[in-house]
N, C-alpha and C. Protein backbone atom coordinates (compact mmCIF):
# COMPACT_ATOMS: atom_id res chain seq x y z
N MET A 1 -3.39 -9.04 -24.32
CA MET A 1 -2.23 -9.01 -23.48
C MET A 1 -2.50 -9.61 -22.07
N THR A 2 -1.81 -10.60 -21.72
CA THR A 2 -1.90 -11.26 -20.49
C THR A 2 -1.11 -10.54 -19.38
N ILE A 3 -1.75 -10.19 -18.36
CA ILE A 3 -1.03 -9.47 -17.23
C ILE A 3 -0.52 -10.55 -16.28
N THR A 4 0.78 -10.44 -16.00
CA THR A 4 1.40 -11.49 -15.13
C THR A 4 1.88 -10.83 -13.86
N VAL A 5 2.10 -11.74 -12.87
CA VAL A 5 2.60 -11.42 -11.57
C VAL A 5 3.51 -12.49 -11.08
N THR A 6 4.32 -12.23 -10.11
CA THR A 6 5.19 -13.30 -9.57
C THR A 6 4.84 -13.51 -8.10
N LEU A 7 5.17 -14.69 -7.61
CA LEU A 7 4.92 -14.92 -6.16
C LEU A 7 5.83 -13.98 -5.28
N ALA A 8 6.99 -13.71 -5.81
CA ALA A 8 7.93 -12.83 -5.07
C ALA A 8 7.29 -11.37 -4.94
N ALA A 9 6.69 -10.90 -5.97
CA ALA A 9 6.06 -9.60 -5.95
C ALA A 9 4.81 -9.60 -4.99
N ILE A 10 4.06 -10.66 -5.06
CA ILE A 10 2.91 -10.75 -4.17
C ILE A 10 3.37 -10.84 -2.73
N ARG A 11 4.35 -11.66 -2.40
CA ARG A 11 4.85 -11.88 -1.12
C ARG A 11 5.48 -10.60 -0.49
N ALA A 12 6.10 -9.83 -1.34
CA ALA A 12 6.66 -8.57 -0.90
C ALA A 12 5.63 -7.59 -0.34
N HIS A 13 4.35 -7.73 -0.71
CA HIS A 13 3.35 -6.86 -0.14
C HIS A 13 2.53 -7.48 0.94
N GLU A 14 3.10 -8.57 1.50
CA GLU A 14 2.52 -9.22 2.73
C GLU A 14 1.08 -9.61 2.59
N PRO A 15 0.80 -10.57 1.75
CA PRO A 15 -0.62 -11.06 1.52
C PRO A 15 -1.11 -11.71 2.92
N CYS A 16 -2.45 -11.79 3.00
CA CYS A 16 -3.01 -12.50 4.14
C CYS A 16 -2.62 -13.98 4.02
N GLU A 17 -2.42 -14.59 5.14
CA GLU A 17 -1.98 -15.95 5.18
C GLU A 17 -2.91 -16.91 4.46
N GLY A 18 -4.25 -16.75 4.63
CA GLY A 18 -5.15 -17.67 3.99
C GLY A 18 -5.16 -17.59 2.44
N GLY A 19 -5.12 -16.32 1.96
CA GLY A 19 -5.04 -16.12 0.52
C GLY A 19 -3.76 -16.63 -0.07
N TRP A 20 -2.66 -16.45 0.59
CA TRP A 20 -1.35 -16.92 0.17
C TRP A 20 -1.32 -18.42 0.12
N LYS A 21 -1.78 -19.05 1.19
CA LYS A 21 -1.79 -20.50 1.20
C LYS A 21 -2.67 -21.11 0.12
N LYS A 22 -3.81 -20.50 -0.10
CA LYS A 22 -4.74 -20.93 -1.16
C LYS A 22 -4.07 -20.82 -2.52
N LEU A 23 -3.44 -19.76 -2.83
CA LEU A 23 -2.73 -19.60 -4.04
C LEU A 23 -1.62 -20.66 -4.26
N LEU A 24 -0.81 -20.82 -3.23
CA LEU A 24 0.31 -21.75 -3.27
C LEU A 24 -0.19 -23.17 -3.54
N HIS A 25 -1.28 -23.51 -2.80
CA HIS A 25 -1.88 -24.86 -3.07
C HIS A 25 -2.36 -25.04 -4.48
N HIS A 26 -2.99 -24.03 -4.99
CA HIS A 26 -3.51 -24.08 -6.36
C HIS A 26 -2.35 -24.23 -7.37
N LEU A 27 -1.25 -23.55 -7.08
CA LEU A 27 -0.10 -23.60 -8.02
C LEU A 27 0.71 -24.87 -7.84
N GLY A 28 0.44 -25.61 -6.82
CA GLY A 28 1.19 -26.90 -6.54
C GLY A 28 2.37 -26.69 -5.63
N GLY A 29 2.38 -25.51 -5.00
CA GLY A 29 3.47 -25.22 -4.01
C GLY A 29 4.66 -24.49 -4.68
N ILE A 30 5.48 -23.99 -3.75
CA ILE A 30 6.62 -23.22 -4.26
C ILE A 30 7.57 -24.09 -5.07
N SER A 31 7.65 -25.39 -4.74
CA SER A 31 8.57 -26.24 -5.51
C SER A 31 8.18 -26.27 -6.98
N LYS A 32 6.93 -26.10 -7.29
CA LYS A 32 6.50 -26.22 -8.71
C LYS A 32 6.63 -24.84 -9.45
N VAL A 33 6.37 -23.78 -8.72
CA VAL A 33 6.44 -22.44 -9.36
C VAL A 33 7.49 -21.64 -8.58
N LYS A 34 8.52 -21.22 -9.28
CA LYS A 34 9.58 -20.44 -8.64
C LYS A 34 9.02 -19.01 -8.21
N MET A 35 9.58 -18.47 -7.16
CA MET A 35 9.13 -17.22 -6.66
C MET A 35 9.17 -16.08 -7.67
N GLY A 36 10.22 -16.07 -8.58
CA GLY A 36 10.33 -15.00 -9.48
C GLY A 36 9.80 -15.33 -10.87
N GLU A 37 9.13 -16.50 -11.04
CA GLU A 37 8.54 -16.87 -12.30
C GLU A 37 7.22 -16.22 -12.57
N PRO A 38 7.03 -15.46 -13.59
CA PRO A 38 5.75 -14.83 -13.91
C PRO A 38 4.68 -15.82 -14.22
N PHE A 39 3.44 -15.62 -13.70
CA PHE A 39 2.28 -16.38 -14.09
C PHE A 39 1.12 -15.44 -14.25
N PRO A 40 0.05 -15.85 -15.05
CA PRO A 40 -1.09 -14.95 -15.31
C PRO A 40 -1.76 -14.52 -14.00
N LEU A 41 -2.14 -13.22 -13.90
CA LEU A 41 -2.91 -12.77 -12.77
C LEU A 41 -4.31 -13.51 -12.69
N SER A 42 -4.76 -13.96 -13.84
CA SER A 42 -6.04 -14.73 -13.85
C SER A 42 -5.97 -15.97 -13.03
N VAL A 43 -4.78 -16.50 -12.76
CA VAL A 43 -4.66 -17.66 -11.90
C VAL A 43 -5.13 -17.35 -10.48
N VAL A 44 -4.83 -16.12 -10.02
CA VAL A 44 -5.26 -15.74 -8.68
C VAL A 44 -6.79 -15.73 -8.64
N LEU A 45 -7.37 -15.15 -9.75
CA LEU A 45 -8.81 -15.11 -9.81
C LEU A 45 -9.46 -16.60 -9.79
N ASP A 46 -8.77 -17.46 -10.46
CA ASP A 46 -9.27 -18.91 -10.54
C ASP A 46 -9.10 -19.60 -9.20
N SER A 47 -8.00 -19.26 -8.48
CA SER A 47 -7.75 -19.99 -7.26
C SER A 47 -8.37 -19.33 -5.99
N ASN A 48 -8.37 -18.01 -5.94
CA ASN A 48 -8.82 -17.30 -4.78
C ASN A 48 -10.18 -16.64 -5.04
N ASP A 49 -10.24 -15.33 -5.10
CA ASP A 49 -11.52 -14.64 -5.37
C ASP A 49 -11.19 -13.29 -5.91
N LEU A 50 -12.30 -12.57 -6.14
CA LEU A 50 -12.17 -11.16 -6.64
C LEU A 50 -11.38 -10.27 -5.77
N VAL A 51 -11.63 -10.33 -4.47
CA VAL A 51 -10.98 -9.43 -3.58
C VAL A 51 -9.43 -9.68 -3.53
N ASP A 52 -9.03 -10.97 -3.52
CA ASP A 52 -7.63 -11.32 -3.57
C ASP A 52 -6.98 -10.87 -4.84
N THR A 53 -7.70 -10.99 -5.91
CA THR A 53 -7.11 -10.64 -7.21
C THR A 53 -6.91 -9.11 -7.31
N VAL A 54 -7.95 -8.40 -6.87
CA VAL A 54 -7.81 -6.91 -6.84
C VAL A 54 -6.64 -6.47 -5.91
N TRP A 55 -6.53 -7.19 -4.82
CA TRP A 55 -5.47 -6.91 -3.85
C TRP A 55 -4.07 -7.11 -4.59
N CYS A 56 -4.00 -8.11 -5.44
CA CYS A 56 -2.75 -8.32 -6.22
C CYS A 56 -2.35 -7.21 -7.12
N PHE A 57 -3.27 -6.27 -7.36
CA PHE A 57 -2.85 -5.12 -8.22
C PHE A 57 -1.56 -4.46 -7.64
N CYS A 58 -1.49 -4.49 -6.28
CA CYS A 58 -0.37 -3.87 -5.65
C CYS A 58 0.94 -4.51 -6.05
N ALA A 59 0.92 -5.74 -6.51
CA ALA A 59 2.17 -6.44 -6.88
C ALA A 59 2.54 -6.20 -8.34
N LEU A 60 1.77 -5.43 -9.03
CA LEU A 60 2.06 -5.16 -10.50
C LEU A 60 2.95 -3.92 -10.57
N GLY A 61 3.56 -3.74 -11.72
CA GLY A 61 4.32 -2.55 -12.02
C GLY A 61 3.43 -1.32 -11.97
N ALA A 62 3.98 -0.20 -11.73
CA ALA A 62 3.24 1.07 -11.58
C ALA A 62 2.39 1.41 -12.76
N LYS A 63 2.95 1.23 -13.94
CA LYS A 63 2.18 1.58 -15.14
C LYS A 63 0.98 0.61 -15.33
N THR A 64 1.19 -0.71 -15.22
CA THR A 64 0.15 -1.64 -15.30
C THR A 64 -0.87 -1.49 -14.22
N ARG A 65 -0.40 -1.16 -12.97
CA ARG A 65 -1.33 -0.93 -11.87
C ARG A 65 -2.25 0.18 -12.17
N LYS A 66 -1.70 1.27 -12.63
CA LYS A 66 -2.48 2.50 -12.92
C LYS A 66 -3.54 2.18 -14.00
N ARG A 67 -3.06 1.54 -15.02
CA ARG A 67 -3.97 1.26 -16.16
C ARG A 67 -5.12 0.31 -15.73
N LEU A 68 -4.72 -0.74 -15.10
CA LEU A 68 -5.77 -1.75 -14.65
C LEU A 68 -6.70 -1.13 -13.56
N THR A 69 -6.13 -0.40 -12.66
CA THR A 69 -6.98 0.19 -11.56
C THR A 69 -7.95 1.21 -12.26
N CYS A 70 -7.55 2.04 -13.10
CA CYS A 70 -8.48 3.05 -13.77
C CYS A 70 -9.50 2.37 -14.59
N LEU A 71 -9.09 1.36 -15.42
CA LEU A 71 -10.08 0.76 -16.30
C LEU A 71 -11.04 -0.16 -15.52
N PHE A 72 -10.54 -0.91 -14.61
CA PHE A 72 -11.46 -1.80 -13.86
C PHE A 72 -12.44 -1.01 -13.03
N LEU A 73 -11.97 0.05 -12.39
CA LEU A 73 -12.87 0.85 -11.56
C LEU A 73 -13.84 1.59 -12.46
N ALA A 74 -13.40 2.10 -13.61
CA ALA A 74 -14.31 2.79 -14.59
C ALA A 74 -15.44 1.85 -15.01
N ASP A 75 -15.10 0.63 -15.31
CA ASP A 75 -16.16 -0.35 -15.71
C ASP A 75 -17.14 -0.64 -14.56
N CYS A 76 -16.63 -0.84 -13.42
CA CYS A 76 -17.48 -1.11 -12.23
C CYS A 76 -18.41 0.13 -11.91
N LEU A 77 -17.82 1.29 -12.01
CA LEU A 77 -18.63 2.50 -11.74
C LEU A 77 -19.67 2.77 -12.82
N ASP A 78 -19.29 2.48 -14.07
CA ASP A 78 -20.33 2.59 -15.16
C ASP A 78 -21.48 1.62 -14.87
N HIS A 79 -21.11 0.40 -14.53
CA HIS A 79 -22.18 -0.59 -14.27
C HIS A 79 -23.07 -0.14 -13.05
N ALA A 80 -22.46 0.32 -12.08
CA ALA A 80 -23.21 0.79 -10.91
C ALA A 80 -24.07 2.03 -11.24
N ALA A 81 -23.55 2.90 -12.18
CA ALA A 81 -24.24 4.11 -12.53
C ALA A 81 -25.52 3.73 -13.31
N LYS A 82 -25.43 2.68 -14.07
CA LYS A 82 -26.66 2.28 -14.80
C LYS A 82 -27.71 1.77 -13.85
N ARG A 83 -27.29 1.07 -12.86
CA ARG A 83 -28.27 0.53 -11.88
C ARG A 83 -28.81 1.67 -10.99
N ARG A 84 -28.00 2.62 -10.62
CA ARG A 84 -28.37 3.71 -9.71
C ARG A 84 -28.83 4.96 -10.40
N ARG A 85 -28.60 5.08 -11.72
CA ARG A 85 -28.81 6.27 -12.50
C ARG A 85 -28.29 7.47 -11.88
N ASN A 86 -26.94 7.43 -11.67
CA ASN A 86 -26.31 8.55 -10.93
C ASN A 86 -25.14 9.10 -11.78
N ARG A 87 -25.19 10.38 -11.93
CA ARG A 87 -24.08 11.02 -12.79
C ARG A 87 -22.77 11.09 -12.15
N TRP A 88 -22.70 11.08 -10.77
CA TRP A 88 -21.41 11.07 -10.14
C TRP A 88 -20.64 9.83 -10.46
N LEU A 89 -21.22 8.72 -10.57
CA LEU A 89 -20.60 7.45 -10.91
C LEU A 89 -20.11 7.48 -12.37
N THR A 90 -20.97 7.99 -13.26
CA THR A 90 -20.64 8.11 -14.68
C THR A 90 -19.52 9.07 -14.88
N ASP A 91 -19.60 10.24 -14.18
CA ASP A 91 -18.54 11.22 -14.29
C ASP A 91 -17.14 10.67 -13.79
N ALA A 92 -17.23 9.92 -12.69
CA ALA A 92 -16.02 9.35 -12.17
C ALA A 92 -15.43 8.31 -13.11
N ALA A 93 -16.29 7.55 -13.71
CA ALA A 93 -15.78 6.55 -14.75
C ALA A 93 -15.13 7.25 -15.86
N ASP A 94 -15.77 8.28 -16.41
CA ASP A 94 -15.22 9.06 -17.56
C ASP A 94 -13.89 9.64 -17.21
N LEU A 95 -13.80 10.26 -16.02
CA LEU A 95 -12.56 10.88 -15.60
C LEU A 95 -11.44 9.86 -15.47
N LEU A 96 -11.73 8.67 -14.92
CA LEU A 96 -10.66 7.61 -14.83
C LEU A 96 -10.23 7.17 -16.17
N ARG A 97 -11.06 6.98 -17.18
CA ARG A 97 -10.71 6.65 -18.48
C ARG A 97 -9.84 7.71 -19.10
N ARG A 98 -10.24 8.97 -18.99
CA ARG A 98 -9.43 10.07 -19.50
C ARG A 98 -8.03 10.18 -18.84
N TYR A 99 -7.99 9.94 -17.57
CA TYR A 99 -6.76 9.90 -16.81
C TYR A 99 -5.76 8.80 -17.29
N GLU A 100 -6.38 7.64 -17.53
CA GLU A 100 -5.58 6.51 -18.00
C GLU A 100 -4.98 6.81 -19.34
N ARG A 101 -5.76 7.46 -20.21
CA ARG A 101 -5.25 7.82 -21.54
C ARG A 101 -4.36 9.06 -21.58
N GLY A 102 -4.24 9.70 -20.44
CA GLY A 102 -3.38 10.95 -20.35
C GLY A 102 -4.14 12.22 -20.69
N GLU A 103 -5.45 12.13 -20.88
CA GLU A 103 -6.25 13.30 -21.28
C GLU A 103 -6.68 14.11 -20.04
N ALA A 104 -6.59 13.53 -18.85
CA ALA A 104 -6.90 14.29 -17.66
C ALA A 104 -5.65 14.26 -16.79
N LYS A 105 -5.48 15.33 -15.95
CA LYS A 105 -4.31 15.45 -15.11
C LYS A 105 -4.68 15.17 -13.67
N ARG A 106 -3.63 15.12 -12.87
CA ARG A 106 -3.79 14.91 -11.41
C ARG A 106 -4.69 15.95 -10.76
N VAL A 107 -4.52 17.17 -11.27
CA VAL A 107 -5.29 18.26 -10.75
C VAL A 107 -6.80 18.06 -10.96
N ASP A 108 -7.17 17.53 -12.11
CA ASP A 108 -8.56 17.17 -12.41
C ASP A 108 -9.12 16.11 -11.41
N LEU A 109 -8.30 15.12 -11.11
CA LEU A 109 -8.70 14.11 -10.15
C LEU A 109 -8.84 14.72 -8.78
N THR A 110 -7.96 15.55 -8.36
CA THR A 110 -7.97 16.23 -7.08
C THR A 110 -9.24 17.13 -6.93
N ARG A 111 -9.53 17.84 -7.99
CA ARG A 111 -10.74 18.68 -7.97
C ARG A 111 -12.04 17.81 -7.87
N PHE A 112 -12.04 16.72 -8.63
CA PHE A 112 -13.23 15.86 -8.62
C PHE A 112 -13.33 15.21 -7.22
N ARG A 113 -12.23 14.77 -6.64
CA ARG A 113 -12.28 14.16 -5.30
C ARG A 113 -12.85 15.15 -4.30
N LYS A 114 -12.41 16.38 -4.33
CA LYS A 114 -12.93 17.44 -3.38
C LYS A 114 -14.43 17.71 -3.67
N ASN A 115 -14.81 17.74 -4.88
CA ASN A 115 -16.24 17.93 -5.17
C ASN A 115 -17.13 16.78 -4.69
N ALA A 116 -16.58 15.55 -4.86
CA ALA A 116 -17.36 14.31 -4.41
C ALA A 116 -17.41 14.38 -2.83
N GLU A 117 -16.32 14.82 -2.20
CA GLU A 117 -16.25 14.90 -0.75
C GLU A 117 -17.29 15.95 -0.34
N ALA A 118 -17.33 17.05 -0.97
CA ALA A 118 -18.34 18.14 -0.62
C ALA A 118 -19.71 17.68 -0.79
N ALA A 119 -19.97 16.95 -1.92
CA ALA A 119 -21.34 16.49 -2.20
C ALA A 119 -21.78 15.46 -1.11
N HIS A 120 -20.85 14.65 -0.76
CA HIS A 120 -21.11 13.63 0.29
C HIS A 120 -21.47 14.29 1.61
N SER A 121 -20.73 15.30 1.93
CA SER A 121 -21.00 16.10 3.15
C SER A 121 -22.33 16.78 3.14
N ALA A 122 -22.72 17.25 1.95
CA ALA A 122 -23.99 17.96 1.77
C ALA A 122 -25.24 17.03 2.00
N VAL A 123 -25.08 15.73 1.69
CA VAL A 123 -26.20 14.82 1.91
C VAL A 123 -26.19 14.34 3.35
N GLY A 124 -25.11 14.64 4.06
CA GLY A 124 -25.00 14.37 5.54
C GLY A 124 -25.48 13.09 6.00
N SER A 125 -26.60 13.09 6.74
CA SER A 125 -27.12 11.85 7.36
C SER A 125 -28.17 11.15 6.52
N ALA A 126 -28.10 11.39 5.23
CA ALA A 126 -29.06 10.69 4.30
C ALA A 126 -28.80 9.16 4.40
N PRO A 127 -29.80 8.36 4.01
CA PRO A 127 -29.57 6.95 4.00
C PRO A 127 -28.31 6.52 3.25
N TYR A 128 -27.66 5.50 3.74
CA TYR A 128 -26.33 5.04 3.12
C TYR A 128 -26.52 4.85 1.64
N ILE A 129 -27.60 4.32 1.17
CA ILE A 129 -27.71 4.09 -0.30
C ILE A 129 -27.61 5.35 -1.10
N ARG A 130 -28.08 6.48 -0.54
CA ARG A 130 -27.88 7.78 -1.24
C ARG A 130 -26.51 8.33 -1.18
N ARG A 131 -25.69 7.87 -0.27
CA ARG A 131 -24.30 8.35 -0.15
C ARG A 131 -23.34 7.54 -0.97
N VAL A 132 -23.65 6.29 -1.40
CA VAL A 132 -22.85 5.43 -2.12
C VAL A 132 -22.09 6.00 -3.27
N PRO A 133 -22.90 6.69 -4.20
CA PRO A 133 -22.12 7.27 -5.35
C PRO A 133 -21.03 8.23 -5.01
N PHE A 134 -21.28 9.07 -3.97
CA PHE A 134 -20.22 10.05 -3.63
C PHE A 134 -18.99 9.34 -3.01
N ILE A 135 -19.29 8.31 -2.21
CA ILE A 135 -18.21 7.56 -1.60
C ILE A 135 -17.38 6.90 -2.68
N ALA A 136 -18.05 6.25 -3.62
CA ALA A 136 -17.34 5.49 -4.71
C ALA A 136 -16.53 6.47 -5.57
N ALA A 137 -17.18 7.62 -5.92
CA ALA A 137 -16.46 8.65 -6.75
C ALA A 137 -15.22 9.13 -6.05
N TYR A 138 -15.34 9.43 -4.78
CA TYR A 138 -14.30 9.94 -3.95
C TYR A 138 -13.10 8.99 -3.97
N TYR A 139 -13.35 7.75 -3.67
CA TYR A 139 -12.28 6.76 -3.59
C TYR A 139 -11.72 6.33 -4.96
N ALA A 140 -12.52 6.49 -6.02
CA ALA A 140 -12.03 6.22 -7.33
C ALA A 140 -10.97 7.25 -7.67
N ALA A 141 -11.22 8.54 -7.34
CA ALA A 141 -10.27 9.53 -7.63
C ALA A 141 -8.97 9.25 -6.80
N ILE A 142 -9.12 8.86 -5.59
CA ILE A 142 -7.94 8.61 -4.71
C ILE A 142 -7.13 7.44 -5.34
N ALA A 143 -7.83 6.35 -5.71
CA ALA A 143 -7.18 5.21 -6.34
C ALA A 143 -6.29 5.57 -7.56
N ALA A 144 -6.85 6.38 -8.36
CA ALA A 144 -6.16 6.86 -9.54
C ALA A 144 -5.00 7.83 -9.21
N LEU A 145 -5.31 8.76 -8.32
CA LEU A 145 -4.28 9.72 -7.91
C LEU A 145 -3.05 9.06 -7.28
N TYR A 146 -3.26 8.02 -6.53
CA TYR A 146 -2.16 7.41 -5.85
C TYR A 146 -1.83 6.01 -6.35
N SER A 147 -2.02 5.82 -7.63
CA SER A 147 -1.85 4.52 -8.25
C SER A 147 -0.40 4.13 -8.20
N SER A 148 0.54 5.12 -7.94
CA SER A 148 1.94 4.84 -7.80
C SER A 148 2.26 4.24 -6.43
N SER A 149 1.28 4.36 -5.46
CA SER A 149 1.47 3.84 -4.14
C SER A 149 0.53 2.58 -4.00
N PRO A 150 1.14 1.38 -4.03
CA PRO A 150 0.31 0.18 -3.93
C PRO A 150 -0.55 0.16 -2.76
N GLU A 151 -0.10 0.57 -1.58
CA GLU A 151 -0.89 0.51 -0.40
C GLU A 151 -2.08 1.44 -0.41
N THR A 152 -1.90 2.65 -0.86
CA THR A 152 -3.05 3.57 -0.96
C THR A 152 -4.06 3.17 -2.04
N THR A 153 -3.50 2.69 -3.13
CA THR A 153 -4.40 2.20 -4.16
C THR A 153 -5.22 1.09 -3.66
N GLN A 154 -4.57 0.15 -2.97
CA GLN A 154 -5.30 -0.99 -2.42
C GLN A 154 -6.45 -0.57 -1.35
N TYR A 155 -6.07 0.38 -0.61
CA TYR A 155 -7.02 0.88 0.43
C TYR A 155 -8.27 1.52 -0.27
N ALA A 156 -8.02 2.34 -1.26
CA ALA A 156 -9.13 3.00 -2.02
C ALA A 156 -9.97 1.91 -2.78
N MET A 157 -9.26 0.97 -3.34
CA MET A 157 -9.96 -0.05 -4.14
C MET A 157 -10.89 -0.81 -3.17
N ASN A 158 -10.37 -1.16 -1.96
CA ASN A 158 -11.21 -1.87 -0.97
C ASN A 158 -12.47 -1.10 -0.65
N ARG A 159 -12.28 0.26 -0.48
CA ARG A 159 -13.49 1.11 -0.10
C ARG A 159 -14.49 1.07 -1.28
N ILE A 160 -13.97 1.15 -2.49
CA ILE A 160 -14.91 1.12 -3.62
C ILE A 160 -15.57 -0.24 -3.78
N ALA A 161 -14.86 -1.29 -3.52
CA ALA A 161 -15.46 -2.63 -3.50
C ALA A 161 -16.56 -2.76 -2.45
N ASP A 162 -16.32 -2.15 -1.33
CA ASP A 162 -17.30 -2.17 -0.28
C ASP A 162 -18.67 -1.61 -0.70
N VAL A 163 -18.59 -0.56 -1.51
CA VAL A 163 -19.87 0.10 -1.86
C VAL A 163 -20.48 -0.22 -3.27
N THR A 164 -19.59 -0.76 -4.15
CA THR A 164 -20.11 -1.05 -5.47
C THR A 164 -20.19 -2.51 -5.86
N ILE A 165 -19.24 -3.31 -5.33
CA ILE A 165 -19.09 -4.65 -5.85
C ILE A 165 -20.13 -5.62 -5.27
N PRO A 166 -20.48 -5.53 -3.95
CA PRO A 166 -21.44 -6.49 -3.44
C PRO A 166 -22.67 -6.80 -4.25
N ALA A 167 -23.24 -5.72 -4.79
CA ALA A 167 -24.49 -5.83 -5.61
C ALA A 167 -24.14 -6.33 -6.99
N ASP A 168 -22.87 -6.17 -7.40
CA ASP A 168 -22.52 -6.42 -8.80
C ASP A 168 -21.31 -7.40 -8.92
N GLU A 169 -21.14 -8.24 -8.00
CA GLU A 169 -19.94 -9.16 -8.02
C GLU A 169 -19.80 -9.92 -9.28
N ARG A 170 -20.89 -10.50 -9.84
CA ARG A 170 -20.79 -11.21 -11.06
C ARG A 170 -20.19 -10.35 -12.16
N PHE A 171 -20.69 -9.11 -12.28
CA PHE A 171 -20.26 -8.24 -13.32
C PHE A 171 -18.80 -7.88 -13.12
N ALA A 172 -18.38 -7.64 -11.87
CA ALA A 172 -16.96 -7.31 -11.55
C ALA A 172 -16.10 -8.49 -11.90
N LEU A 173 -16.50 -9.72 -11.58
CA LEU A 173 -15.69 -10.93 -11.93
C LEU A 173 -15.48 -11.01 -13.43
N THR A 174 -16.57 -10.87 -14.21
CA THR A 174 -16.47 -10.99 -15.58
C THR A 174 -15.61 -9.89 -16.24
N THR A 175 -15.76 -8.72 -15.76
CA THR A 175 -14.97 -7.53 -16.20
C THR A 175 -13.51 -7.76 -16.00
N LEU A 176 -13.14 -8.16 -14.72
CA LEU A 176 -11.75 -8.37 -14.39
C LEU A 176 -11.16 -9.56 -15.21
N ARG A 177 -11.92 -10.61 -15.35
CA ARG A 177 -11.39 -11.74 -16.16
C ARG A 177 -11.10 -11.37 -17.52
N ASP A 178 -11.97 -10.53 -18.13
CA ASP A 178 -11.71 -10.01 -19.51
C ASP A 178 -10.49 -9.16 -19.62
N MET A 179 -10.19 -8.39 -18.53
CA MET A 179 -9.04 -7.54 -18.56
C MET A 179 -7.66 -8.18 -18.33
N ILE A 180 -7.73 -9.24 -17.63
CA ILE A 180 -6.40 -9.89 -17.28
C ILE A 180 -6.28 -11.17 -18.05
């Protein structure tokens, strides 16, 4: 299934000027693609970058945004868990997949978020690398909890990207390309 987006939906969420211009140039300008005409989200990945493509999740319908957010984050967290050998990341990934399938409820995500926040506080001033799993797990729960709010989802996804994607950008690119 190809996930599509429209220029109108992207524009409604006020994209950054540089990313917007880059996408329009790639598409041949507004005269070539109508504002309301759907095109594959993968075009954004081809023209811009991973960050801009993830940002475009906010321009998707609520159901698609929730599904894509949960599954993309779960795959990124699983990959990071293998590298870091951390159960928080694995548990967060499992919870996101269960939530996407309807097997976990919002209360489960809220409880997990609170536990991740408490665990992060417990390690206090530990080196940043030791705090990464708790930060990622916390924001993964927020992204799923608030997937109906594009802005909150985007904020949470950006925080997760800050802590998990830099080391694994190639994996994240491949994963996202396969999903869209």
